[in-house]
PDB file of N, CA and C in Angstrom:
ATOM      1  N   MET A   1      21.730  11.821 -21.021  1.00  0.00           N
ATOM      2  CA  MET A   1      21.820  12.375 -19.696  1.00  0.00           C
ATOM      3  C   MET A   1      20.817  11.638 -18.804  1.00  0.00           C
ATOM      4  N   ASP A   2      21.276  11.162 -17.650  1.00  0.00           N
ATOM      5  CA  ASP A   2      20.365  10.416 -16.786  1.00  0.00           C
ATOM      6  C   ASP A   2      19.559  11.362 -15.884  1.00  0.00           C
ATOM      7  N   SER A   3      18.597  10.807 -15.180  1.00  0.00           N
ATOM      8  CA  SER A   3      17.691  11.611 -14.357  1.00  0.00           C
ATOM      9  C   SER A   3      18.411  12.387 -13.264  1.00  0.00           C
ATOM     10  N   ALA A   4      19.420  11.777 -12.642  1.00  0.00           N
ATOM     11  CA  ALA A   4      20.160  12.474 -11.586  1.00  0.00           C
ATOM     12  C   ALA A   4      20.831  13.728 -12.148  1.00  0.00           C
ATOM     13  N   GLU A   5      21.407  13.623 -13.348  1.00  0.00           N
ATOM     14  CA  GLU A   5      22.037  14.790 -13.978  1.00  0.00           C
ATOM     15  C   GLU A   5      21.000  15.849 -14.343  1.00  0.00           C
ATOM     16  N   LEU A   6      19.858  15.411 -14.858  1.00  0.00           N
ATOM     17  CA  LEU A   6      18.791  16.358 -15.199  1.00  0.00           C
ATOM     18  C   LEU A   6      18.281  17.087 -13.958  1.00  0.00           C
ATOM     19  N   ILE A   7      18.104  16.359 -12.868  1.00  0.00           N
ATOM     20  CA  ILE A   7      17.645  16.984 -11.625  1.00  0.00           C
ATOM     21  C   ILE A   7      18.665  18.002 -11.138  1.00  0.00           C
ATOM     22  N   GLU A   8      19.943  17.655 -11.202  1.00  0.00           N
ATOM     23  CA  GLU A   8      20.977  18.599 -10.775  1.00  0.00           C
ATOM     24  C   GLU A   8      20.977  19.858 -11.649  1.00  0.00           C
ATOM     25  N   ARG A   9      20.790  19.697 -12.952  1.00  0.00           N
ATOM     26  CA  ARG A   9      20.722  20.868 -13.846  1.00  0.00           C
ATOM     27  C   ARG A   9      19.482  21.706 -13.558  1.00  0.00           C
ATOM     28  N   LEU A  10      18.358  21.051 -13.292  1.00  0.00           N
ATOM     29  CA  LEU A  10      17.152  21.796 -12.946  1.00  0.00           C
ATOM     30  C   LEU A  10      17.387  22.631 -11.689  1.00  0.00           C
ATOM     31  N   ARG A  11      18.096  22.084 -10.733  1.00  0.00           N
ATOM     32  CA  ARG A  11      18.400  22.810  -9.498  1.00  0.00           C
ATOM     33  C   ARG A  11      19.401  23.929  -9.765  1.00  0.00           C
ATOM     34  N   ARG A  12      20.504  23.601 -10.408  1.00  0.00           N
ATOM     35  CA  ARG A  12      21.596  24.548 -10.599  1.00  0.00           C
ATOM     36  C   ARG A  12      21.272  25.622 -11.628  1.00  0.00           C
ATOM     37  N   GLU A  13      20.763  25.224 -12.784  1.00  0.00           N
ATOM     38  CA  GLU A  13      20.539  26.158 -13.891  1.00  0.00           C
ATOM     39  C   GLU A  13      19.106  26.660 -13.972  1.00  0.00           C
ATOM     40  N   GLY A  14      18.165  25.871 -13.489  1.00  0.00           N
ATOM     41  CA  GLY A  14      16.766  26.237 -13.641  1.00  0.00           C
ATOM     42  C   GLY A  14      16.138  26.881 -12.418  1.00  0.00           C
ATOM     43  N   GLY A  15      16.842  26.862 -11.290  1.00  0.00           N
ATOM     44  CA  GLY A  15      16.311  27.488 -10.092  1.00  0.00           C
ATOM     45  C   GLY A  15      15.238  26.680  -9.374  1.00  0.00           C
ATOM     46  N   PHE A  16      15.179  25.378  -9.643  1.00  0.00           N
ATOM     47  CA  PHE A  16      14.186  24.517  -8.980  1.00  0.00           C
ATOM     48  C   PHE A  16      14.675  24.081  -7.609  1.00  0.00           C
ATOM     49  N   ARG A  17      13.735  23.895  -6.694  1.00  0.00           N
ATOM     50  CA  ARG A  17      14.006  23.303  -5.389  1.00  0.00           C
ATOM     51  C   ARG A  17      13.525  21.861  -5.429  1.00  0.00           C
ATOM     52  N   LEU A  18      14.288  20.967  -4.824  1.00  0.00           N
ATOM     53  CA  LEU A  18      13.999  19.534  -4.842  1.00  0.00           C
ATOM     54  C   LEU A  18      13.439  19.086  -3.500  1.00  0.00           C
ATOM     55  N   LEU A  19      12.321  18.389  -3.550  1.00  0.00           N
ATOM     56  CA  LEU A  19      11.685  17.813  -2.369  1.00  0.00           C
ATOM     57  C   LEU A  19      11.293  16.370  -2.670  1.00  0.00           C
ATOM     58  N   PRO A  20      11.142  15.529  -1.640  1.00  0.00           N
ATOM     59  CA  PRO A  20      10.649  14.179  -1.886  1.00  0.00           C
ATOM     60  C   PRO A  20       9.162  14.226  -2.233  1.00  0.00           C
ATOM     61  N   LEU A  21       8.745  13.301  -3.062  1.00  0.00           N
ATOM     62  CA  LEU A  21       7.334  13.115  -3.405  1.00  0.00           C
ATOM     63  C   LEU A  21       6.885  11.847  -2.689  1.00  0.00           C
ATOM     64  N   LEU A  22       5.937  11.988  -1.782  1.00  0.00           N
ATOM     65  CA  LEU A  22       5.495  10.844  -0.983  1.00  0.00           C
ATOM     66  C   LEU A  22       4.349  10.105  -1.643  1.00  0.00           C
ATOM     67  N   GLY A  23       4.370   8.797  -1.505  1.00  0.00           N
ATOM     68  CA  GLY A  23       3.263   7.969  -1.961  1.00  0.00           C
ATOM     69  C   GLY A  23       2.229   7.825  -0.857  1.00  0.00           C
ATOM     70  N   ASN A  24       1.209   7.040  -1.101  1.00  0.00           N
ATOM     71  CA  ASN A  24       0.118   6.911  -0.130  1.00  0.00           C
ATOM     72  C   ASN A  24       0.517   6.156   1.141  1.00  0.00           C
ATOM     73  N   THR A  25       1.713   5.557   1.179  1.00  0.00           N
ATOM     74  CA  THR A  25       2.196   4.885   2.383  1.00  0.00           C
ATOM     75  C   THR A  25       3.112   5.780   3.212  1.00  0.00           C
ATOM     76  N   GLY A  26       3.424   6.962   2.700  1.00  0.00           N
ATOM     77  CA  GLY A  26       4.350   7.865   3.383  1.00  0.00           C
ATOM     78  C   GLY A  26       5.792   7.653   2.989  1.00  0.00           C
ATOM     79  N   GLN A  27       6.050   6.660   2.156  1.00  0.00           N
ATOM     80  CA  GLN A  27       7.403   6.413   1.666  1.00  0.00           C
ATOM     81  C   GLN A  27       7.681   7.301   0.453  1.00  0.00           C
ATOM     82  N   VAL A  28       8.952   7.591   0.219  1.00  0.00           N
ATOM     83  CA  VAL A  28       9.320   8.396  -0.949  1.00  0.00           C
ATOM     84  C   VAL A  28       9.013   7.597  -2.215  1.00  0.00           C
ATOM     85  N   ALA A  29       8.203   8.200  -3.086  1.00  0.00           N
ATOM     86  CA  ALA A  29       7.782   7.537  -4.321  1.00  0.00           C
ATOM     87  C   ALA A  29       8.384   8.199  -5.549  1.00  0.00           C
ATOM     88  N   GLY A  30       9.001   9.376  -5.384  1.00  0.00           N
ATOM     89  CA  GLY A  30       9.561  10.102  -6.507  1.00  0.00           C
ATOM     90  C   GLY A  30      10.119  11.432  -6.049  1.00  0.00           C
ATOM     91  N   VAL A  31      10.211  12.363  -6.989  1.00  0.00           N
ATOM     92  CA  VAL A  31      10.734  13.696  -6.681  1.00  0.00           C
ATOM     93  C   VAL A  31       9.707  14.758  -7.038  1.00  0.00           C
ATOM     94  N   HIS A  32       9.775  15.859  -6.302  1.00  0.00           N
ATOM     95  CA  HIS A  32       8.902  17.013  -6.510  1.00  0.00           C
ATOM     96  C   HIS A  32       9.831  18.219  -6.632  1.00  0.00           C
ATOM     97  N   LEU A  33       9.774  18.906  -7.768  1.00  0.00           N
ATOM     98  CA  LEU A  33      10.601  20.087  -7.991  1.00  0.00           C
ATOM     99  C   LEU A  33       9.697  21.290  -8.230  1.00  0.00           C
ATOM    100  N   THR A  34      10.043  22.419  -7.628  1.00  0.00           N
ATOM    101  CA  THR A  34       9.240  23.630  -7.810  1.00  0.00           C
ATOM    102  C   THR A  34      10.147  24.842  -7.980  1.00  0.00           C
ATOM    103  N   ARG A  35       9.617  25.835  -8.683  1.00  0.00           N
ATOM    104  CA  ARG A  35      10.269  27.143  -8.744  1.00  0.00           C
ATOM    105  C   ARG A  35       9.186  28.200  -8.910  1.00  0.00           C
ATOM    106  N   PHE A  36       9.415  29.339  -8.252  1.00  0.00           N
ATOM    107  CA  PHE A  36       8.515  30.475  -8.351  1.00  0.00           C
ATOM    108  C   PHE A  36       9.065  31.397  -9.426  1.00  0.00           C
ATOM    109  N   LEU A  37       8.178  31.868 -10.305  1.00  0.00           N
ATOM    110  CA  LEU A  37       8.568  32.728 -11.414  1.00  0.00           C
ATOM    111  C   LEU A  37       8.070  34.143 -11.189  1.00  0.00           C
ATOM    112  N   PRO A  38       8.767  35.122 -11.744  1.00  0.00           N
ATOM    113  CA  PRO A  38       8.272  36.492 -11.669  1.00  0.00           C
ATOM    114  C   PRO A  38       6.881  36.581 -12.306  1.00  0.00           C
ATOM    115  N   GLY A  39       6.075  37.470 -11.823  1.00  0.00           N
ATOM    116  CA  GLY A  39       4.741  37.626 -12.384  1.00  0.00           C
ATOM    117  C   GLY A  39       3.694  36.738 -11.744  1.00  0.00           C
ATOM    118  N   GLY A  40       4.052  36.038 -10.663  1.00  0.00           N
ATOM    119  CA  GLY A  40       3.058  35.255  -9.933  1.00  0.00           C
ATOM    120  C   GLY A  40       2.742  33.892 -10.501  1.00  0.00           C
ATOM    121  N   HIS A  41       3.741  33.209 -11.067  1.00  0.00           N
ATOM    122  CA  HIS A  41       3.528  31.857 -11.575  1.00  0.00           C
ATOM    123  C   HIS A  41       4.436  30.868 -10.857  1.00  0.00           C
ATOM    124  N   LEU A  42       4.071  29.607 -10.930  1.00  0.00           N
ATOM    125  CA  LEU A  42       4.772  28.525 -10.270  1.00  0.00           C
ATOM    126  C   LEU A  42       4.946  27.382 -11.264  1.00  0.00           C
ATOM    127  N   ASP A  43       6.168  26.850 -11.349  1.00  0.00           N
ATOM    128  CA  ASP A  43       6.443  25.636 -12.125  1.00  0.00           C
ATOM    129  C   ASP A  43       6.545  24.471 -11.158  1.00  0.00           C
ATOM    130  N   VAL A  44       5.875  23.369 -11.474  1.00  0.00           N
ATOM    131  CA  VAL A  44       5.908  22.163 -10.640  1.00  0.00           C
ATOM    132  C   VAL A  44       6.221  20.968 -11.543  1.00  0.00           C
ATOM    133  N   ILE A  45       7.194  20.167 -11.119  1.00  0.00           N
ATOM    134  CA  ILE A  45       7.518  18.902 -11.791  1.00  0.00           C
ATOM    135  C   ILE A  45       7.408  17.808 -10.738  1.00  0.00           C
ATOM    136  N   GLN A  46       6.692  16.743 -11.052  1.00  0.00           N
ATOM    137  CA  GLN A  46       6.664  15.565 -10.199  1.00  0.00           C
ATOM    138  C   GLN A  46       7.046  14.379 -11.067  1.00  0.00           C
ATOM    139  N   ALA A  47       8.012  13.598 -10.591  1.00  0.00           N
ATOM    140  CA  ALA A  47       8.476  12.445 -11.361  1.00  0.00           C
ATOM    141  C   ALA A  47       8.517  11.215 -10.470  1.00  0.00           C
ATOM    142  N   TRP A  48       7.996  10.121 -11.007  1.00  0.00           N
ATOM    143  CA  TRP A  48       7.980   8.867 -10.281  1.00  0.00           C
ATOM    144  C   TRP A  48       9.128   7.964 -10.709  1.00  0.00           C
ATOM    145  N   ASP A  49       9.593   8.117 -11.924  1.00  0.00           N
ATOM    146  CA  ASP A  49      10.778   7.431 -12.433  1.00  0.00           C
ATOM    147  C   ASP A  49      11.117   8.052 -13.785  1.00  0.00           C
ATOM    148  N   ASP A  50      12.075   7.467 -14.509  1.00  0.00           N
ATOM    149  CA  ASP A  50      12.491   8.020 -15.804  1.00  0.00           C
ATOM    150  C   ASP A  50      11.372   8.016 -16.836  1.00  0.00           C
ATOM    151  N   ARG A  51      10.426   7.106 -16.676  1.00  0.00           N
ATOM    152  CA  ARG A  51       9.388   6.939 -17.681  1.00  0.00           C
ATOM    153  C   ARG A  51       8.149   7.780 -17.460  1.00  0.00           C
ATOM    154  N   TRP A  52       7.952   8.313 -16.237  1.00  0.00           N
ATOM    155  CA  TRP A  52       6.701   9.009 -15.978  1.00  0.00           C
ATOM    156  C   TRP A  52       6.905  10.238 -15.107  1.00  0.00           C
ATOM    157  N   ALA A  53       6.497  11.386 -15.650  1.00  0.00           N
ATOM    158  CA  ALA A  53       6.578  12.656 -14.930  1.00  0.00           C
ATOM    159  C   ALA A  53       5.429  13.546 -15.377  1.00  0.00           C
ATOM    160  N   ALA A  54       5.133  14.538 -14.552  1.00  0.00           N
ATOM    161  CA  ALA A  54       4.113  15.528 -14.890  1.00  0.00           C
ATOM    162  C   ALA A  54       4.691  16.909 -14.608  1.00  0.00           C
ATOM    163  N   TYR A  55       4.330  17.858 -15.458  1.00  0.00           N
ATOM    164  CA  TYR A  55       4.786  19.241 -15.311  1.00  0.00           C
ATOM    165  C   TYR A  55       3.579  20.165 -15.430  1.00  0.00           C
ATOM    166  N   ALA A  56       3.570  21.220 -14.618  1.00  0.00           N
ATOM    167  CA  ALA A  56       2.525  22.229 -14.728  1.00  0.00           C
ATOM    168  C   ALA A  56       3.117  23.604 -14.438  1.00  0.00           C
ATOM    169  N   ARG A  57       2.691  24.582 -15.210  1.00  0.00           N
ATOM    170  CA  ARG A  57       2.957  25.993 -14.913  1.00  0.00           C
ATOM    171  C   ARG A  57       1.596  26.590 -14.623  1.00  0.00           C
ATOM    172  N   MET A  58       1.466  27.198 -13.450  1.00  0.00           N
ATOM    173  CA  MET A  58       0.166  27.677 -13.011  1.00  0.00           C
ATOM    174  C   MET A  58       0.325  28.983 -12.243  1.00  0.00           C
ATOM    175  N   PRO A  59      -0.774  29.695 -12.083  1.00  0.00           N
ATOM    176  CA  PRO A  59      -0.717  30.886 -11.234  1.00  0.00           C
ATOM    177  C   PRO A  59      -0.359  30.487  -9.805  1.00  0.00           C
ATOM    178  N   ASP A  60       0.422  31.319  -9.141  1.00  0.00           N
ATOM    179  CA  ASP A  60       0.846  31.053  -7.771  1.00  0.00           C
ATOM    180  C   ASP A  60      -0.246  31.491  -6.795  1.00  0.00           C
ATOM    181  N   THR A  61      -1.388  30.796  -6.879  1.00  0.00           N
ATOM    182  CA  THR A  61      -2.517  31.078  -5.997  1.00  0.00           C
ATOM    183  C   THR A  61      -3.141  29.746  -5.593  1.00  0.00           C
ATOM    184  N   LEU A  62      -3.717  29.716  -4.439  1.00  0.00           N
ATOM    185  CA  LEU A  62      -4.385  28.511  -3.977  1.00  0.00           C
ATOM    186  C   LEU A  62      -5.568  28.939  -3.125  1.00  0.00           C
ATOM    187  N   ASP A  63      -6.717  28.392  -3.403  1.00  0.00           N
ATOM    188  CA  ASP A  63      -7.927  28.698  -2.637  1.00  0.00           C
ATOM    189  C   ASP A  63      -7.933  27.806  -1.397  1.00  0.00           C
ATOM    190  N   ALA A  64      -7.732  28.409  -0.231  1.00  0.00           N
ATOM    191  CA  ALA A  64      -7.688  27.634   1.013  1.00  0.00           C
ATOM    192  C   ALA A  64      -9.012  26.918   1.286  1.00  0.00           C
ATOM    193  N   GLY A  65     -10.116  27.417   0.721  1.00  0.00           N
ATOM    194  CA  GLY A  65     -11.407  26.772   0.896  1.00  0.00           C
ATOM    195  C   GLY A  65     -11.571  25.520   0.043  1.00  0.00           C
ATOM    196  N   ALA A  66     -10.770  25.404  -1.015  1.00  0.00           N
ATOM    197  CA  ALA A  66     -10.808  24.232  -1.907  1.00  0.00           C
ATOM    198  C   ALA A  66      -9.370  23.903  -2.337  1.00  0.00           C
ATOM    199  N   PRO A  67      -8.524  23.493  -1.398  1.00  0.00           N
ATOM    200  CA  PRO A  67      -7.096  23.341  -1.702  1.00  0.00           C
ATOM    201  C   PRO A  67      -6.766  22.256  -2.728  1.00  0.00           C
ATOM    202  N   PHE A  68      -7.619  21.272  -2.908  1.00  0.00           N
ATOM    203  CA  PHE A  68      -7.324  20.202  -3.854  1.00  0.00           C
ATOM    204  C   PHE A  68      -7.854  20.492  -5.249  1.00  0.00           C
ATOM    205  N   ALA A  69      -8.548  21.589  -5.411  1.00  0.00           N
ATOM    206  CA  ALA A  69      -9.046  21.978  -6.730  1.00  0.00           C
ATOM    207  C   ALA A  69      -7.925  22.542  -7.583  1.00  0.00           C
ATOM    208  N   GLY A  70      -6.948  23.172  -6.963  1.00  0.00           N
ATOM    209  CA  GLY A  70      -5.836  23.764  -7.698  1.00  0.00           C
ATOM    210  C   GLY A  70      -6.251  25.043  -8.390  1.00  0.00           C
ATOM    211  N   PRO A  71      -5.275  25.839  -8.778  1.00  0.00           N
ATOM    212  CA  PRO A  71      -5.586  27.100  -9.454  1.00  0.00           C
ATOM    213  C   PRO A  71      -6.100  26.878 -10.868  1.00  0.00           C
ATOM    214  N   VAL A  72      -6.906  27.799 -11.344  1.00  0.00           N
ATOM    215  CA  VAL A  72      -7.457  27.734 -12.700  1.00  0.00           C
ATOM    216  C   VAL A  72      -6.435  28.318 -13.674  1.00  0.00           C
ATOM    217  N   GLY A  73      -6.315  27.698 -14.822  1.00  0.00           N
ATOM    218  CA  GLY A  73      -5.394  28.192 -15.847  1.00  0.00           C
ATOM    219  C   GLY A  73      -4.035  27.538 -15.721  1.00  0.00           C
ATOM    220  N   GLY A  74      -3.238  27.709 -16.742  1.00  0.00           N
ATOM    221  CA  GLY A  74      -1.893  27.158 -16.735  1.00  0.00           C
ATOM    222  C   GLY A  74      -1.688  26.129 -17.824  1.00  0.00           C
ATOM    223  N   MET A  75      -0.499  25.556 -17.822  1.00  0.00           N
ATOM    224  CA  MET A  75      -0.087  24.591 -18.834  1.00  0.00           C
ATOM    225  C   MET A  75       0.267  23.288 -18.130  1.00  0.00           C
ATOM    226  N   VAL A  76      -0.092  22.163 -18.724  1.00  0.00           N
ATOM    227  CA  VAL A  76       0.176  20.851 -18.128  1.00  0.00           C
ATOM    228  C   VAL A  76       0.708  19.917 -19.206  1.00  0.00           C
ATOM    229  N   ARG A  77       1.738  19.142 -18.849  1.00  0.00           N
ATOM    230  CA  ARG A  77       2.289  18.103 -19.736  1.00  0.00           C
ATOM    231  C   ARG A  77       2.621  16.889 -18.886  1.00  0.00           C
ATOM    232  N   SER A  78       2.590  15.716 -19.490  1.00  0.00           N
ATOM    233  CA  SER A  78       3.050  14.511 -18.810  1.00  0.00           C
ATOM    234  C   SER A  78       3.710  13.594 -19.818  1.00  0.00           C
ATOM    235  N   GLY A  79       4.587  12.711 -19.321  1.00  0.00           N
ATOM    236  CA  GLY A  79       5.300  11.782 -20.178  1.00  0.00           C
ATOM    237  C   GLY A  79       6.642  11.426 -19.565  1.00  0.00           C
ATOM    238  N   PRO A  80       7.593  10.950 -20.364  1.00  0.00           N
ATOM    239  CA  PRO A  80       8.915  10.603 -19.848  1.00  0.00           C
ATOM    240  C   PRO A  80       9.614  11.828 -19.249  1.00  0.00           C
ATOM    241  N   PHE A  81      10.325  11.626 -18.148  1.00  0.00           N
ATOM    242  CA  PHE A  81      10.966  12.712 -17.419  1.00  0.00           C
ATOM    243  C   PHE A  81      11.841  13.597 -18.311  1.00  0.00           C
ATOM    244  N   ALA A  82      12.732  13.005 -19.087  1.00  0.00           N
ATOM    245  CA  ALA A  82      13.652  13.794 -19.922  1.00  0.00           C
ATOM    246  C   ALA A  82      12.892  14.658 -20.928  1.00  0.00           C
ATOM    247  N   ARG A  83      11.817  14.153 -21.489  1.00  0.00           N
ATOM    248  CA  ARG A  83      11.050  14.921 -22.474  1.00  0.00           C
ATOM    249  C   ARG A  83      10.297  16.070 -21.807  1.00  0.00           C
ATOM    250  N   ILE A  84       9.808  15.844 -20.612  1.00  0.00           N
ATOM    251  CA  ILE A  84       9.057  16.868 -19.883  1.00  0.00           C
ATOM    252  C   ILE A  84       9.952  18.030 -19.485  1.00  0.00           C
ATOM    253  N   VAL A  85      11.182  17.730 -19.026  1.00  0.00           N
ATOM    254  CA  VAL A  85      12.047  18.799 -18.521  1.00  0.00           C
ATOM    255  C   VAL A  85      12.886  19.482 -19.589  1.00  0.00           C
ATOM    256  N   ALA A  86      13.020  18.890 -20.765  1.00  0.00           N
ATOM    257  CA  ALA A  86      13.872  19.470 -21.813  1.00  0.00           C
ATOM    258  C   ALA A  86      13.553  20.932 -22.112  1.00  0.00           C
ATOM    259  N   PRO A  87      12.289  21.336 -22.257  1.00  0.00           N
ATOM    260  CA  PRO A  87      12.020  22.742 -22.561  1.00  0.00           C
ATOM    261  C   PRO A  87      12.328  23.696 -21.410  1.00  0.00           C
ATOM    262  N   LEU A  88      12.573  23.173 -20.228  1.00  0.00           N
ATOM    263  CA  LEU A  88      12.830  24.010 -19.059  1.00  0.00           C
ATOM    264  C   LEU A  88      14.310  24.302 -18.857  1.00  0.00           C
ATOM    265  N   LEU A  89      15.165  23.698 -19.669  1.00  0.00           N
ATOM    266  CA  LEU A  89      16.605  23.864 -19.569  1.00  0.00           C
ATOM    267  C   LEU A  89      17.160  24.452 -20.864  1.00  0.00           C
ATOM    268  N   PRO A  90      18.348  25.068 -20.803  1.00  0.00           N
ATOM    269  CA  PRO A  90      18.976  25.513 -22.048  1.00  0.00           C
ATOM    270  C   PRO A  90      19.170  24.331 -22.995  1.00  0.00           C
ATOM    271  N   ILE A  91      19.122  24.599 -24.292  1.00  0.00           N
ATOM    272  CA  ILE A  91      19.239  23.538 -25.312  1.00  0.00           C
ATOM    273  C   ILE A  91      20.592  22.822 -25.156  1.00  0.00           C
ATOM    274  N   GLN A  92      20.543  21.505 -25.147  1.00  0.00           N
ATOM    275  CA  GLN A  92      21.729  20.661 -25.073  1.00  0.00           C
ATOM    276  C   GLN A  92      21.524  19.458 -25.976  1.00  0.00           C
ATOM    277  N   SER A  93      22.607  18.924 -26.477  1.00  0.00           N
ATOM    278  CA  SER A  93      22.473  17.716 -27.284  1.00  0.00           C
ATOM    279  C   SER A  93      21.944  16.599 -26.410  1.00  0.00           C
ATOM    280  N   GLY A  94      21.126  15.757 -26.980  1.00  0.00           N
ATOM    281  CA  GLY A  94      20.557  14.639 -26.240  1.00  0.00           C
ATOM    282  C   GLY A  94      19.206  14.927 -25.622  1.00  0.00           C
ATOM    283  N   LEU A  95      18.805  16.168 -25.557  1.00  0.00           N
ATOM    284  CA  LEU A  95      17.497  16.508 -25.019  1.00  0.00           C
ATOM    285  C   LEU A  95      16.632  17.018 -26.146  1.00  0.00           C
ATOM    286  N   THR A  96      15.404  16.565 -26.180  1.00  0.00           N
ATOM    287  CA  THR A  96      14.494  17.027 -27.222  1.00  0.00           C
ATOM    288  C   THR A  96      13.243  17.601 -26.599  1.00  0.00           C
ATOM    289  N   ALA A  97      12.695  18.601 -27.213  1.00  0.00           N
ATOM    290  CA  ALA A  97      11.472  19.215 -26.721  1.00  0.00           C
ATOM    291  C   ALA A  97      10.283  18.343 -27.049  1.00  0.00           C
ATOM    292  N   PRO A  98       9.180  18.478 -26.278  1.00  0.00           N
ATOM    293  CA  PRO A  98       7.992  17.664 -26.557  1.00  0.00           C
ATOM    294  C   PRO A  98       7.351  18.031 -27.872  1.00  0.00           C
TER     295      PRO A  98
END
């Protein structure tokens, strides 16, 4: 399954919203996907290409006094896009969990 198909499944089946991920020049450098979960948590996926992505599940809180510090706690993974998103979708052939 290619990245475009995975992104569509994340949107359709996983409840993620898709936004552009900007690089330091203001040009689109990748994709940013987010979803809010019951209980006050947030899932974030950022992918630059098929080979590199990062995922985090964190509390849905942000300290406005230190916005770049990020919330304390949560889970973080990074690696190839397909491997990062596999646990977030229903089990399918061709996808493997990390």
